[in-house]
PDB file of all heavy atoms in Angstrom:
ATOM      1  N   LEU A   1      -7.677  15.602  21.267  1.00  0.00           N
ATOM      2  CA  LEU A   1      -6.984  15.794  20.004  1.00  0.00           C
ATOM      3  C   LEU A   1      -7.740  16.774  19.110  1.00  0.00           C
ATOM      4  O   LEU A   1      -8.968  16.789  19.078  1.00  0.00           O
ATOM      5  CB  LEU A   1      -6.850  14.460  19.277  1.00  0.00           C
ATOM      6  CG  LEU A   1      -5.961  13.422  19.971  1.00  0.00           C
ATOM      7  CD1 LEU A   1      -6.131  12.076  19.298  1.00  0.00           C
ATOM      8  CD2 LEU A   1      -4.508  13.846  19.933  1.00  0.00           C
ATOM      9  N   GLN A   2      -6.997  17.587  18.419  1.00  0.00           N
ATOM     10  CA  GLN A   2      -7.619  18.446  17.424  1.00  0.00           C
ATOM     11  C   GLN A   2      -8.171  17.579  16.293  1.00  0.00           C
ATOM     12  O   GLN A   2      -7.642  16.516  15.989  1.00  0.00           O
ATOM     13  CB  GLN A   2      -6.593  19.435  16.871  1.00  0.00           C
ATOM     14  CG  GLN A   2      -6.013  20.366  17.916  1.00  0.00           C
ATOM     15  CD  GLN A   2      -7.065  21.289  18.496  1.00  0.00           C
ATOM     16  OE1 GLN A   2      -7.944  21.762  17.792  1.00  0.00           O
ATOM     17  NE2 GLN A   2      -6.977  21.524  19.799  1.00  0.00           N
ATOM     18  N   SER A   3      -9.246  18.029  15.672  1.00  0.00           N
ATOM     19  CA  SER A   3      -9.863  17.218  14.624  1.00  0.00           C
ATOM     20  C   SER A   3      -8.916  17.024  13.439  1.00  0.00           C
ATOM     21  O   SER A   3      -8.994  16.026  12.740  1.00  0.00           O
ATOM     22  CB  SER A   3     -11.165  17.864  14.146  1.00  0.00           C
ATOM     23  OG  SER A   3     -10.911  19.152  13.631  1.00  0.00           O
ATOM     24  N   ASP A   4      -8.015  18.008  13.222  1.00  0.00           N
ATOM     25  CA  ASP A   4      -7.081  17.823  12.114  1.00  0.00           C
ATOM     26  C   ASP A   4      -5.938  16.907  12.527  1.00  0.00           C
ATOM     27  O   ASP A   4      -5.540  16.040  11.786  1.00  0.00           O
ATOM     28  CB  ASP A   4      -6.554  19.167  11.612  1.00  0.00           C
ATOM     29  CG  ASP A   4      -6.048  20.070  12.729  1.00  0.00           C
ATOM     30  OD1 ASP A   4      -6.117  19.659  13.907  1.00  0.00           O
ATOM     31  OD2 ASP A   4      -5.567  21.173  12.430  1.00  0.00           O
ATOM     32  N   GLY A   5      -5.393  17.055  13.739  1.00  0.00           N
ATOM     33  CA  GLY A   5      -4.324  16.191  14.218  1.00  0.00           C
ATOM     34  C   GLY A   5      -3.165  16.171  13.237  1.00  0.00           C
ATOM     35  O   GLY A   5      -2.862  17.155  12.578  1.00  0.00           O
ATOM     36  N   CYS A   6      -2.495  15.020  13.157  1.00  0.00           N
ATOM     37  CA  CYS A   6      -1.450  14.846  12.152  1.00  0.00           C
ATOM     38  C   CYS A   6      -2.091  14.606  10.790  1.00  0.00           C
ATOM     39  O   CYS A   6      -3.212  14.097  10.693  1.00  0.00           O
ATOM     40  CB  CYS A   6      -0.558  13.667  12.517  1.00  0.00           C
ATOM     41  SG  CYS A   6       0.758  14.065  13.681  1.00  0.00           S
ATOM     42  N   ALA A   7      -1.349  14.941   9.770  1.00  0.00           N
ATOM     43  CA  ALA A   7      -1.827  14.659   8.418  1.00  0.00           C
ATOM     44  C   ALA A   7      -1.872  13.147   8.205  1.00  0.00           C
ATOM     45  O   ALA A   7      -1.103  12.397   8.812  1.00  0.00           O
ATOM     46  CB  ALA A   7      -0.910  15.308   7.388  1.00  0.00           C
ATOM     47  N   PRO A   8      -2.778  12.663   7.356  1.00  0.00           N
ATOM     48  CA  PRO A   8      -2.836  11.222   7.081  1.00  0.00           C
ATOM     49  C   PRO A   8      -1.518  10.698   6.538  1.00  0.00           C
ATOM     50  O   PRO A   8      -0.772  11.422   5.871  1.00  0.00           O
ATOM     51  CB  PRO A   8      -3.950  11.117   6.033  1.00  0.00           C
ATOM     52  CG  PRO A   8      -4.777  12.340   6.218  1.00  0.00           C
ATOM     53  CD  PRO A   8      -3.827  13.414   6.647  1.00  0.00           C
ATOM     54  N   ALA A   9      -1.239   9.434   6.830  1.00  0.00           N
ATOM     55  CA  ALA A   9      -0.033   8.793   6.318  1.00  0.00           C
ATOM     56  C   ALA A   9      -0.095   8.699   4.798  1.00  0.00           C
ATOM     57  O   ALA A   9      -1.122   8.333   4.232  1.00  0.00           O
ATOM     58  CB  ALA A   9       0.116   7.403   6.927  1.00  0.00           C
ATOM     59  N   GLU A  10       1.009   9.009   4.151  1.00  0.00           N
ATOM     60  CA  GLU A  10       1.059   8.997   2.698  1.00  0.00           C
ATOM     61  C   GLU A  10       2.145   8.098   2.126  1.00  0.00           C
ATOM     62  O   GLU A  10       2.185   7.871   0.919  1.00  0.00           O
ATOM     63  CB  GLU A  10       1.281  10.426   2.173  1.00  0.00           C
ATOM     64  CG  GLU A  10       0.143  11.387   2.476  1.00  0.00           C
ATOM     65  CD  GLU A  10      -1.137  11.030   1.741  1.00  0.00           C
ATOM     66  OE1 GLU A  10      -1.068  10.273   0.750  1.00  0.00           O
ATOM     67  OE2 GLU A  10      -2.205  11.503   2.154  1.00  0.00           O
ATOM     68  N   ALA A  11       3.033   7.581   2.960  1.00  0.00           N
ATOM     69  CA  ALA A  11       4.154   6.786   2.446  1.00  0.00           C
ATOM     70  C   ALA A  11       3.662   5.468   1.872  1.00  0.00           C
ATOM     71  O   ALA A  11       2.641   4.918   2.298  1.00  0.00           O
ATOM     72  CB  ALA A  11       5.164   6.536   3.558  1.00  0.00           C
ATOM     73  N   THR A  12       4.398   4.968   0.928  1.00  0.00           N
ATOM     74  CA  THR A  12       4.085   3.678   0.317  1.00  0.00           C
ATOM     75  C   THR A  12       5.377   3.041  -0.196  1.00  0.00           C
ATOM     76  O   THR A  12       6.352   3.749  -0.482  1.00  0.00           O
ATOM     77  CB  THR A  12       3.077   3.826  -0.840  1.00  0.00           C
ATOM     78  OG1 THR A  12       2.727   2.545  -1.362  1.00  0.00           O
ATOM     79  CG2 THR A  12       3.653   4.681  -1.944  1.00  0.00           C
ATOM     80  N   ALA A  13       5.392   1.712  -0.248  1.00  0.00           N
ATOM     81  CA  ALA A  13       6.544   0.989  -0.782  1.00  0.00           C
ATOM     82  C   ALA A  13       6.059  -0.355  -1.294  1.00  0.00           C
ATOM     83  O   ALA A  13       5.093  -0.922  -0.775  1.00  0.00           O
ATOM     84  CB  ALA A  13       7.617   0.807   0.296  1.00  0.00           C
ATOM     85  N   ASP A  14       6.736  -0.882  -2.291  1.00  0.00           N
ATOM     86  CA  ASP A  14       6.394  -2.185  -2.863  1.00  0.00           C
ATOM     87  C   ASP A  14       7.377  -3.246  -2.365  1.00  0.00           C
ATOM     88  O   ASP A  14       8.598  -3.093  -2.509  1.00  0.00           O
ATOM     89  CB  ASP A  14       6.460  -2.144  -4.386  1.00  0.00           C
ATOM     90  CG  ASP A  14       5.250  -1.458  -5.002  1.00  0.00           C
ATOM     91  OD1 ASP A  14       4.399  -0.965  -4.242  1.00  0.00           O
ATOM     92  OD2 ASP A  14       5.181  -1.399  -6.248  1.00  0.00           O
ATOM     93  N   LEU A  15       6.836  -4.303  -1.786  1.00  0.00           N
ATOM     94  CA  LEU A  15       7.623  -5.496  -1.470  1.00  0.00           C
ATOM     95  C   LEU A  15       7.601  -6.353  -2.726  1.00  0.00           C
ATOM     96  O   LEU A  15       6.555  -6.895  -3.101  1.00  0.00           O
ATOM     97  CB  LEU A  15       6.990  -6.225  -0.282  1.00  0.00           C
ATOM     98  CG  LEU A  15       7.766  -7.362   0.371  1.00  0.00           C
ATOM     99  CD1 LEU A  15       9.068  -6.867   0.990  1.00  0.00           C
ATOM    100  CD2 LEU A  15       6.902  -8.041   1.438  1.00  0.00           C
ATOM    101  N   ASP A  16       8.752  -6.488  -3.404  1.00  0.00           N
ATOM    102  CA  ASP A  16       8.715  -7.025  -4.764  1.00  0.00           C
ATOM    103  C   ASP A  16       9.956  -7.831  -5.138  1.00  0.00           C
ATOM    104  O   ASP A  16      10.270  -7.968  -6.321  1.00  0.00           O
ATOM    105  CB  ASP A  16       8.525  -5.885  -5.770  1.00  0.00           C
ATOM    106  CG  ASP A  16       9.592  -4.800  -5.648  1.00  0.00           C
ATOM    107  OD1 ASP A  16      10.517  -4.947  -4.821  1.00  0.00           O
ATOM    108  OD2 ASP A  16       9.508  -3.795  -6.394  1.00  0.00           O
ATOM    109  N   VAL A  17      10.645  -8.411  -4.158  1.00  0.00           N
ATOM    110  CA  VAL A  17      11.883  -9.106  -4.457  1.00  0.00           C
ATOM    111  C   VAL A  17      11.644 -10.472  -5.092  1.00  0.00           C
ATOM    112  O   VAL A  17      12.518 -11.012  -5.771  1.00  0.00           O
ATOM    113  CB  VAL A  17      12.744  -9.255  -3.185  1.00  0.00           C
ATOM    114  CG1 VAL A  17      12.156 -10.297  -2.237  1.00  0.00           C
ATOM    115  CG2 VAL A  17      14.191  -9.575  -3.519  1.00  0.00           C
ATOM    116  N   ASN A  18      10.462 -11.049  -4.873  1.00  0.00           N
ATOM    117  CA  ASN A  18      10.184 -12.370  -5.444  1.00  0.00           C
ATOM    118  C   ASN A  18       9.072 -12.251  -6.487  1.00  0.00           C
ATOM    119  O   ASN A  18       9.002 -11.240  -7.191  1.00  0.00           O
ATOM    120  CB  ASN A  18       9.874 -13.388  -4.348  1.00  0.00           C
ATOM    121  CG  ASN A  18       8.707 -12.971  -3.461  1.00  0.00           C
ATOM    122  OD1 ASN A  18       7.924 -12.086  -3.802  1.00  0.00           O
ATOM    123  ND2 ASN A  18       8.593 -13.615  -2.311  1.00  0.00           N
ATOM    124  N   ASN A  19       8.195 -13.226  -6.595  1.00  0.00           N
ATOM    125  CA  ASN A  19       7.180 -13.197  -7.649  1.00  0.00           C
ATOM    126  C   ASN A  19       5.858 -12.594  -7.174  1.00  0.00           C
ATOM    127  O   ASN A  19       4.805 -12.868  -7.740  1.00  0.00           O
ATOM    128  CB  ASN A  19       6.935 -14.608  -8.197  1.00  0.00           C
ATOM    129  CG  ASN A  19       6.382 -14.589  -9.610  1.00  0.00           C
ATOM    130  OD1 ASN A  19       6.618 -13.644 -10.369  1.00  0.00           O
ATOM    131  ND2 ASN A  19       5.634 -15.611  -9.977  1.00  0.00           N
ATOM    132  N   VAL A  20       5.924 -11.791  -6.106  1.00  0.00           N
ATOM    133  CA  VAL A  20       4.770 -11.052  -5.597  1.00  0.00           C
ATOM    134  C   VAL A  20       5.096  -9.571  -5.620  1.00  0.00           C
ATOM    135  O   VAL A  20       6.205  -9.166  -5.254  1.00  0.00           O
ATOM    136  CB  VAL A  20       4.428 -11.472  -4.149  1.00  0.00           C
ATOM    137  CG1 VAL A  20       3.217 -10.691  -3.638  1.00  0.00           C
ATOM    138  CG2 VAL A  20       4.193 -12.968  -4.046  1.00  0.00           C
ATOM    139  N   ARG A  21       4.141  -8.753  -6.054  1.00  0.00           N
ATOM    140  CA  ARG A  21       4.253  -7.312  -5.871  1.00  0.00           C
ATOM    141  C   ARG A  21       3.189  -6.904  -4.863  1.00  0.00           C
ATOM    142  O   ARG A  21       1.988  -6.928  -5.161  1.00  0.00           O
ATOM    143  CB  ARG A  21       4.052  -6.558  -7.182  1.00  0.00           C
ATOM    144  CG  ARG A  21       4.304  -5.041  -7.056  1.00  0.00           C
ATOM    145  CD  ARG A  21       4.115  -4.322  -8.393  1.00  0.00           C
ATOM    146  NE  ARG A  21       4.843  -4.970  -9.471  1.00  0.00           N
ATOM    147  CZ  ARG A  21       6.148  -4.830  -9.686  1.00  0.00           C
ATOM    148  NH1 ARG A  21       6.865  -4.070  -8.881  1.00  0.00           N
ATOM    149  NH2 ARG A  21       6.730  -5.455 -10.697  1.00  0.00           N
ATOM    150  N   ALA A  22       3.623  -6.563  -3.645  1.00  0.00           N
ATOM    151  CA  ALA A  22       2.708  -6.202  -2.565  1.00  0.00           C
ATOM    152  C   ALA A  22       2.902  -4.734  -2.233  1.00  0.00           C
ATOM    153  O   ALA A  22       3.987  -4.323  -1.802  1.00  0.00           O
ATOM    154  CB  ALA A  22       2.974  -7.059  -1.335  1.00  0.00           C
ATOM    155  N   ARG A  23       1.854  -3.941  -2.436  1.00  0.00           N
ATOM    156  CA  ARG A  23       1.955  -2.504  -2.146  1.00  0.00           C
ATOM    157  C   ARG A  23       1.578  -2.266  -0.684  1.00  0.00           C
ATOM    158  O   ARG A  23       0.483  -2.633  -0.228  1.00  0.00           O
ATOM    159  CB  ARG A  23       1.038  -1.712  -3.074  1.00  0.00           C
ATOM    160  CG  ARG A  23       1.167  -0.200  -2.917  1.00  0.00           C
ATOM    161  CD  ARG A  23       0.979   0.486  -4.252  1.00  0.00           C
ATOM    162  NE  ARG A  23       1.993   0.068  -5.216  1.00  0.00           N
ATOM    163  CZ  ARG A  23       1.880   0.246  -6.535  1.00  0.00           C
ATOM    164  NH1 ARG A  23       0.802   0.827  -7.035  1.00  0.00           N
ATOM    165  NH2 ARG A  23       2.833  -0.152  -7.350  1.00  0.00           N
ATOM    166  N   LEU A  24       2.491  -1.647   0.053  1.00  0.00           N
ATOM    167  CA  LEU A  24       2.344  -1.470   1.494  1.00  0.00           C
ATOM    168  C   LEU A  24       2.137   0.002   1.826  1.00  0.00           C
ATOM    169  O   LEU A  24       2.663   0.896   1.147  1.00  0.00           O
ATOM    170  CB  LEU A  24       3.587  -1.994   2.209  1.00  0.00           C
ATOM    171  CG  LEU A  24       4.087  -3.386   1.791  1.00  0.00           C
ATOM    172  CD1 LEU A  24       5.306  -3.785   2.617  1.00  0.00           C
ATOM    173  CD2 LEU A  24       2.988  -4.423   1.911  1.00  0.00           C
ATOM    174  N   TYR A  25       1.391   0.240   2.907  1.00  0.00           N
ATOM    175  CA  TYR A  25       1.115   1.591   3.379  1.00  0.00           C
ATOM    176  C   TYR A  25       1.374   1.666   4.883  1.00  0.00           C
ATOM    177  O   TYR A  25       1.313   0.652   5.582  1.00  0.00           O
ATOM    178  CB  TYR A  25      -0.336   1.977   3.083  1.00  0.00           C
ATOM    179  CG  TYR A  25      -0.710   1.876   1.620  1.00  0.00           C
ATOM    180  CD1 TYR A  25      -1.375   0.751   1.130  1.00  0.00           C
ATOM    181  CD2 TYR A  25      -0.383   2.889   0.729  1.00  0.00           C
ATOM    182  CE1 TYR A  25      -1.706   0.648  -0.214  1.00  0.00           C
ATOM    183  CE2 TYR A  25      -0.706   2.794  -0.622  1.00  0.00           C
ATOM    184  CZ  TYR A  25      -1.374   1.674  -1.087  1.00  0.00           C
ATOM    185  OH  TYR A  25      -1.699   1.563  -2.414  1.00  0.00           O
ATOM    186  N   ASN A  26       1.618   2.868   5.375  1.00  0.00           N
ATOM    187  CA  ASN A  26       1.904   3.046   6.803  1.00  0.00           C
ATOM    188  C   ASN A  26       0.719   3.648   7.547  1.00  0.00           C
ATOM    189  O   ASN A  26       0.869   4.449   8.469  1.00  0.00           O
ATOM    190  CB  ASN A  26       3.150   3.913   7.000  1.00  0.00           C
ATOM    191  CG  ASN A  26       3.006   5.318   6.428  1.00  0.00           C
ATOM    192  OD1 ASN A  26       2.202   5.552   5.523  1.00  0.00           O
ATOM    193  ND2 ASN A  26       3.807   6.250   6.924  1.00  0.00           N
ATOM    194  N   ASN A  27      -0.497   3.235   7.149  1.00  0.00           N
ATOM    195  CA  ASN A  27      -1.717   3.755   7.772  1.00  0.00           C
ATOM    196  C   ASN A  27      -2.533   2.663   8.461  1.00  0.00           C
ATOM    197  O   ASN A  27      -3.662   2.903   8.875  1.00  0.00           O
ATOM    198  CB  ASN A  27      -2.585   4.459   6.730  1.00  0.00           C
ATOM    199  CG  ASN A  27      -2.974   3.535   5.573  1.00  0.00           C
ATOM    200  OD1 ASN A  27      -2.764   2.324   5.623  1.00  0.00           O
ATOM    201  ND2 ASN A  27      -3.540   4.104   4.521  1.00  0.00           N
ATOM    202  N   GLY A  28      -1.976   1.458   8.566  1.00  0.00           N
ATOM    203  CA  GLY A  28      -2.703   0.335   9.153  1.00  0.00           C
ATOM    204  C   GLY A  28      -3.297  -0.596   8.127  1.00  0.00           C
ATOM    205  O   GLY A  28      -3.780  -1.676   8.476  1.00  0.00           O
ATOM    206  N   GLY A  29      -3.288  -0.184   6.859  1.00  0.00           N
ATOM    207  CA  GLY A  29      -3.812  -1.011   5.786  1.00  0.00           C
ATOM    208  C   GLY A  29      -2.712  -1.465   4.853  1.00  0.00           C
ATOM    209  O   GLY A  29      -1.618  -0.902   4.827  1.00  0.00           O
ATOM    210  N   LEU A  30      -3.029  -2.493   4.082  1.00  0.00           N
ATOM    211  CA  LEU A  30      -2.081  -3.014   3.106  1.00  0.00           C
ATOM    212  C   LEU A  30      -2.800  -3.237   1.774  1.00  0.00           C
ATOM    213  O   LEU A  30      -3.979  -3.597   1.759  1.00  0.00           O
ATOM    214  CB  LEU A  30      -1.491  -4.352   3.578  1.00  0.00           C
ATOM    215  CG  LEU A  30      -0.735  -4.366   4.900  1.00  0.00           C
ATOM    216  CD1 LEU A  30      -0.397  -5.804   5.293  1.00  0.00           C
ATOM    217  CD2 LEU A  30       0.532  -3.530   4.826  1.00  0.00           C
ATOM    218  N   PHE A  31      -2.071  -3.003   0.698  1.00  0.00           N
ATOM    219  CA  PHE A  31      -2.441  -3.401  -0.668  1.00  0.00           C
ATOM    220  C   PHE A  31      -3.460  -2.474  -1.335  1.00  0.00           C
ATOM    221  O   PHE A  31      -3.567  -2.485  -2.556  1.00  0.00           O
ATOM    222  CB  PHE A  31      -2.958  -4.844  -0.715  1.00  0.00           C
ATOM    223  CG  PHE A  31      -2.199  -5.805   0.151  1.00  0.00           C
ATOM    224  CD1 PHE A  31      -2.853  -6.717   0.956  1.00  0.00           C
ATOM    225  CD2 PHE A  31      -0.809  -5.785   0.166  1.00  0.00           C
ATOM    226  CE1 PHE A  31      -2.147  -7.606   1.761  1.00  0.00           C
ATOM    227  CE2 PHE A  31      -0.084  -6.660   0.970  1.00  0.00           C
ATOM    228  CZ  PHE A  31      -0.765  -7.574   1.771  1.00  0.00           C
ATOM    229  N   TRP A  32      -4.205  -1.678  -0.587  1.00  0.00           N
ATOM    230  CA  TRP A  32      -5.222  -0.796  -1.171  1.00  0.00           C
ATOM    231  C   TRP A  32      -5.525   0.319  -0.179  1.00  0.00           C
ATOM    232  O   TRP A  32      -5.589   0.091   1.025  1.00  0.00           O
ATOM    233  CB  TRP A  32      -6.503  -1.568  -1.458  1.00  0.00           C
ATOM    234  CG  TRP A  32      -7.653  -0.740  -1.957  1.00  0.00           C
ATOM    235  CD1 TRP A  32      -7.923  -0.395  -3.252  1.00  0.00           C
ATOM    236  CD2 TRP A  32      -8.707  -0.158  -1.183  1.00  0.00           C
ATOM    237  NE1 TRP A  32      -9.065   0.360  -3.326  1.00  0.00           N
ATOM    238  CE2 TRP A  32      -9.571   0.520  -2.062  1.00  0.00           C
ATOM    239  CE3 TRP A  32      -9.006  -0.141   0.186  1.00  0.00           C
ATOM    240  CZ2 TRP A  32     -10.706   1.214  -1.632  1.00  0.00           C
ATOM    241  CZ3 TRP A  32     -10.122   0.544   0.619  1.00  0.00           C
ATOM    242  CH2 TRP A  32     -10.969   1.210  -0.291  1.00  0.00           C
ATOM    243  N   LYS A  33      -5.707   1.527  -0.682  1.00  0.00           N
ATOM    244  CA  LYS A  33      -6.192   2.607   0.189  1.00  0.00           C
ATOM    245  C   LYS A  33      -7.054   3.601  -0.582  1.00  0.00           C
ATOM    246  O   LYS A  33      -7.053   4.783  -0.320  1.00  0.00           O
ATOM    247  CB  LYS A  33      -5.043   3.321   0.888  1.00  0.00           C
ATOM    248  CG  LYS A  33      -4.157   4.193   0.019  1.00  0.00           C
ATOM    249  CD  LYS A  33      -3.265   5.070   0.904  1.00  0.00           C
ATOM    250  CE  LYS A  33      -2.538   6.128   0.095  1.00  0.00           C
ATOM    251  NZ  LYS A  33      -1.755   7.027   0.967  1.00  0.00           N
ATOM    252  N   GLY A  34      -7.799   3.073  -1.536  1.00  0.00           N
ATOM    253  CA  GLY A  34      -8.724   3.920  -2.270  1.00  0.00           C
ATOM    254  C   GLY A  34      -8.437   3.994  -3.757  1.00  0.00           C
ATOM    255  O   GLY A  34      -9.252   4.500  -4.517  1.00  0.00           O
ATOM    256  N   SER A  35      -7.284   3.499  -4.170  1.00  0.00           N
ATOM    257  CA  SER A  35      -6.957   3.458  -5.590  1.00  0.00           C
ATOM    258  C   SER A  35      -6.882   1.994  -6.007  1.00  0.00           C
ATOM    259  O   SER A  35      -7.507   1.138  -5.386  1.00  0.00           O
ATOM    260  CB  SER A  35      -5.626   4.180  -5.833  1.00  0.00           C
ATOM    261  OG  SER A  35      -4.604   3.622  -5.025  1.00  0.00           O
ATOM    262  N   SER A  36      -6.132   1.691  -7.029  1.00  0.00           N
ATOM    263  CA  SER A  36      -6.032   0.300  -7.484  1.00  0.00           C
ATOM    264  C   SER A  36      -5.385  -0.569  -6.412  1.00  0.00           C
ATOM    265  O   SER A  36      -4.435  -0.159  -5.750  1.00  0.00           O
ATOM    266  CB  SER A  36      -5.211   0.232  -8.769  1.00  0.00           C
ATOM    267  OG  SER A  36      -5.847   0.963  -9.803  1.00  0.00           O
ATOM    268  N   ASN A  37      -5.912  -1.779  -6.258  1.00  0.00           N
ATOM    269  CA  ASN A  37      -5.305  -2.714  -5.318  1.00  0.00           C
ATOM    270  C   ASN A  37      -4.103  -3.381  -5.960  1.00  0.00           C
ATOM    271  O   ASN A  37      -4.083  -3.652  -7.160  1.00  0.00           O
ATOM    272  CB  ASN A  37      -6.318  -3.764  -4.859  1.00  0.00           C
ATOM    273  CG  ASN A  37      -6.934  -4.539  -6.003  1.00  0.00           C
ATOM    274  OD1 ASN A  37      -7.408  -3.960  -6.968  1.00  0.00           O
ATOM    275  ND2 ASN A  37      -6.937  -5.857  -5.887  1.00  0.00           N
ATOM    276  N   VAL A  38      -3.075  -3.651  -5.132  1.00  0.00           N
ATOM    277  CA  VAL A  38      -1.857  -4.259  -5.655  1.00  0.00           C
ATOM    278  C   VAL A  38      -1.374  -5.331  -4.688  1.00  0.00           C
ATOM    279  O   VAL A  38      -0.693  -5.064  -3.703  1.00  0.00           O
ATOM    280  CB  VAL A  38      -0.733  -3.218  -5.878  1.00  0.00           C
ATOM    281  CG1 VAL A  38       0.515  -3.907  -6.407  1.00  0.00           C
ATOM    282  CG2 VAL A  38      -1.189  -2.124  -6.834  1.00  0.00           C
ATOM    283  N   TYR A  39      -1.786  -6.558  -4.906  1.00  0.00           N
ATOM    284  CA  TYR A  39      -1.114  -7.752  -4.383  1.00  0.00           C
ATOM    285  C   TYR A  39      -1.107  -8.718  -5.560  1.00  0.00           C
ATOM    286  O   TYR A  39      -1.926  -9.631  -5.658  1.00  0.00           O
ATOM    287  CB  TYR A  39      -1.823  -8.345  -3.167  1.00  0.00           C
ATOM    288  CG  TYR A  39      -0.959  -9.376  -2.456  1.00  0.00           C
ATOM    289  CD1 TYR A  39      -0.103  -8.983  -1.434  1.00  0.00           C
ATOM    290  CD2 TYR A  39      -0.972 -10.714  -2.832  1.00  0.00           C
ATOM    291  CE1 TYR A  39       0.705  -9.907  -0.791  1.00  0.00           C
ATOM    292  CE2 TYR A  39      -0.166 -11.645  -2.195  1.00  0.00           C
ATOM    293  CZ  TYR A  39       0.666 -11.240  -1.174  1.00  0.00           C
ATOM    294  OH  TYR A  39       1.474 -12.169  -0.551  1.00  0.00           O
ATOM    295  N   THR A  40      -0.182  -8.454  -6.472  1.00  0.00           N
ATOM    296  CA  THR A  40      -0.174  -9.090  -7.774  1.00  0.00           C
ATOM    297  C   THR A  40       0.722 -10.328  -7.768  1.00  0.00           C
ATOM    298  O   THR A  40       1.890 -10.248  -7.402  1.00  0.00           O
ATOM    299  CB  THR A  40       0.323  -8.101  -8.843  1.00  0.00           C
ATOM    300  OG1 THR A  40      -0.365  -6.859  -8.712  1.00  0.00           O
ATOM    301  CG2 THR A  40       0.090  -8.647 -10.226  1.00  0.00           C
ATOM    302  N   VAL A  41       0.131 -11.463  -8.149  1.00  0.00           N
ATOM    303  CA  VAL A  41       0.864 -12.733  -8.230  1.00  0.00           C
ATOM    304  C   VAL A  41       0.430 -13.462  -9.506  1.00  0.00           C
ATOM    305  O   VAL A  41      -0.748 -13.745  -9.658  1.00  0.00           O
ATOM    306  CB  VAL A  41       0.569 -13.636  -7.014  1.00  0.00           C
ATOM    307  CG1 VAL A  41       1.547 -14.806  -7.001  1.00  0.00           C
ATOM    308  CG2 VAL A  41       0.627 -12.875  -5.707  1.00  0.00           C
ATOM    309  N   PRO A  42       1.350 -13.773 -10.447  1.00  0.00           N
ATOM    310  CA  PRO A  42       2.751 -13.330 -10.468  1.00  0.00           C
ATOM    311  C   PRO A  42       2.848 -11.816 -10.638  1.00  0.00           C
ATOM    312  O   PRO A  42       1.927 -11.174 -11.145  1.00  0.00           O
ATOM    313  CB  PRO A  42       3.330 -14.077 -11.658  1.00  0.00           C
ATOM    314  CG  PRO A  42       2.166 -14.431 -12.516  1.00  0.00           C
ATOM    315  CD  PRO A  42       0.988 -14.594 -11.613  1.00  0.00           C
ATOM    316  N   LYS A  43       3.965 -11.254 -10.224  1.00  0.00           N
ATOM    317  CA  LYS A  43       4.024  -9.799 -10.042  1.00  0.00           C
ATOM    318  C   LYS A  43       3.910  -9.012 -11.341  1.00  0.00           C
ATOM    319  O   LYS A  43       3.549  -7.831 -11.298  1.00  0.00           O
ATOM    320  CB  LYS A  43       5.295  -9.404  -9.301  1.00  0.00           C
ATOM    321  CG  LYS A  43       6.598  -9.616 -10.022  1.00  0.00           C
ATOM    322  CD  LYS A  43       7.752  -9.164  -9.122  1.00  0.00           C
ATOM    323  CE  LYS A  43       9.095  -9.360  -9.765  1.00  0.00           C
ATOM    324  NZ  LYS A  43      10.203  -8.989  -8.837  1.00  0.00           N
ATOM    325  N   ASP A  44       4.176  -9.621 -12.467  1.00  0.00           N
ATOM    326  CA  ASP A  44       4.028  -8.927 -13.743  1.00  0.00           C
ATOM    327  C   ASP A  44       2.769  -9.357 -14.499  1.00  0.00           C
ATOM    328  O   ASP A  44       2.589  -9.011 -15.670  1.00  0.00           O
ATOM    329  CB  ASP A  44       5.260  -9.172 -14.614  1.00  0.00           C
ATOM    330  CG  ASP A  44       6.515  -8.558 -14.011  1.00  0.00           C
ATOM    331  OD1 ASP A  44       6.413  -7.456 -13.440  1.00  0.00           O
ATOM    332  OD2 ASP A  44       7.592  -9.182 -14.107  1.00  0.00           O
ATOM    333  N   GLY A  45       1.895 -10.104 -13.829  1.00  0.00           N
ATOM    334  CA  GLY A  45       0.677 -10.580 -14.460  1.00  0.00           C
ATOM    335  C   GLY A  45      -0.503  -9.651 -14.222  1.00  0.00           C
ATOM    336  O   GLY A  45      -0.388  -8.625 -13.548  1.00  0.00           O
ATOM    337  N   PRO A  46      -1.691 -10.003 -14.741  1.00  0.00           N
ATOM    338  CA  PRO A  46      -2.868  -9.133 -14.633  1.00  0.00           C
ATOM    339  C   PRO A  46      -3.693  -9.362 -13.375  1.00  0.00           C
ATOM    340  O   PRO A  46      -4.580  -8.562 -13.073  1.00  0.00           O
ATOM    341  CB  PRO A  46      -3.679  -9.522 -15.873  1.00  0.00           C
ATOM    342  CG  PRO A  46      -3.366 -10.981 -16.058  1.00  0.00           C
ATOM    343  CD  PRO A  46      -1.921 -11.154 -15.649  1.00  0.00           C
TER     344      PRO A  46
END
């Protein structure tokens, strides 16, 4: 494989239909990837 290969995954979506806000990524990780973490319960709380 070339060292550059494909560009890193950048997509994100929030699972937020109930009282959880879970930020999801398509890079193998969930809730955090270097910025603020988001698995907020209750979803509008601190």
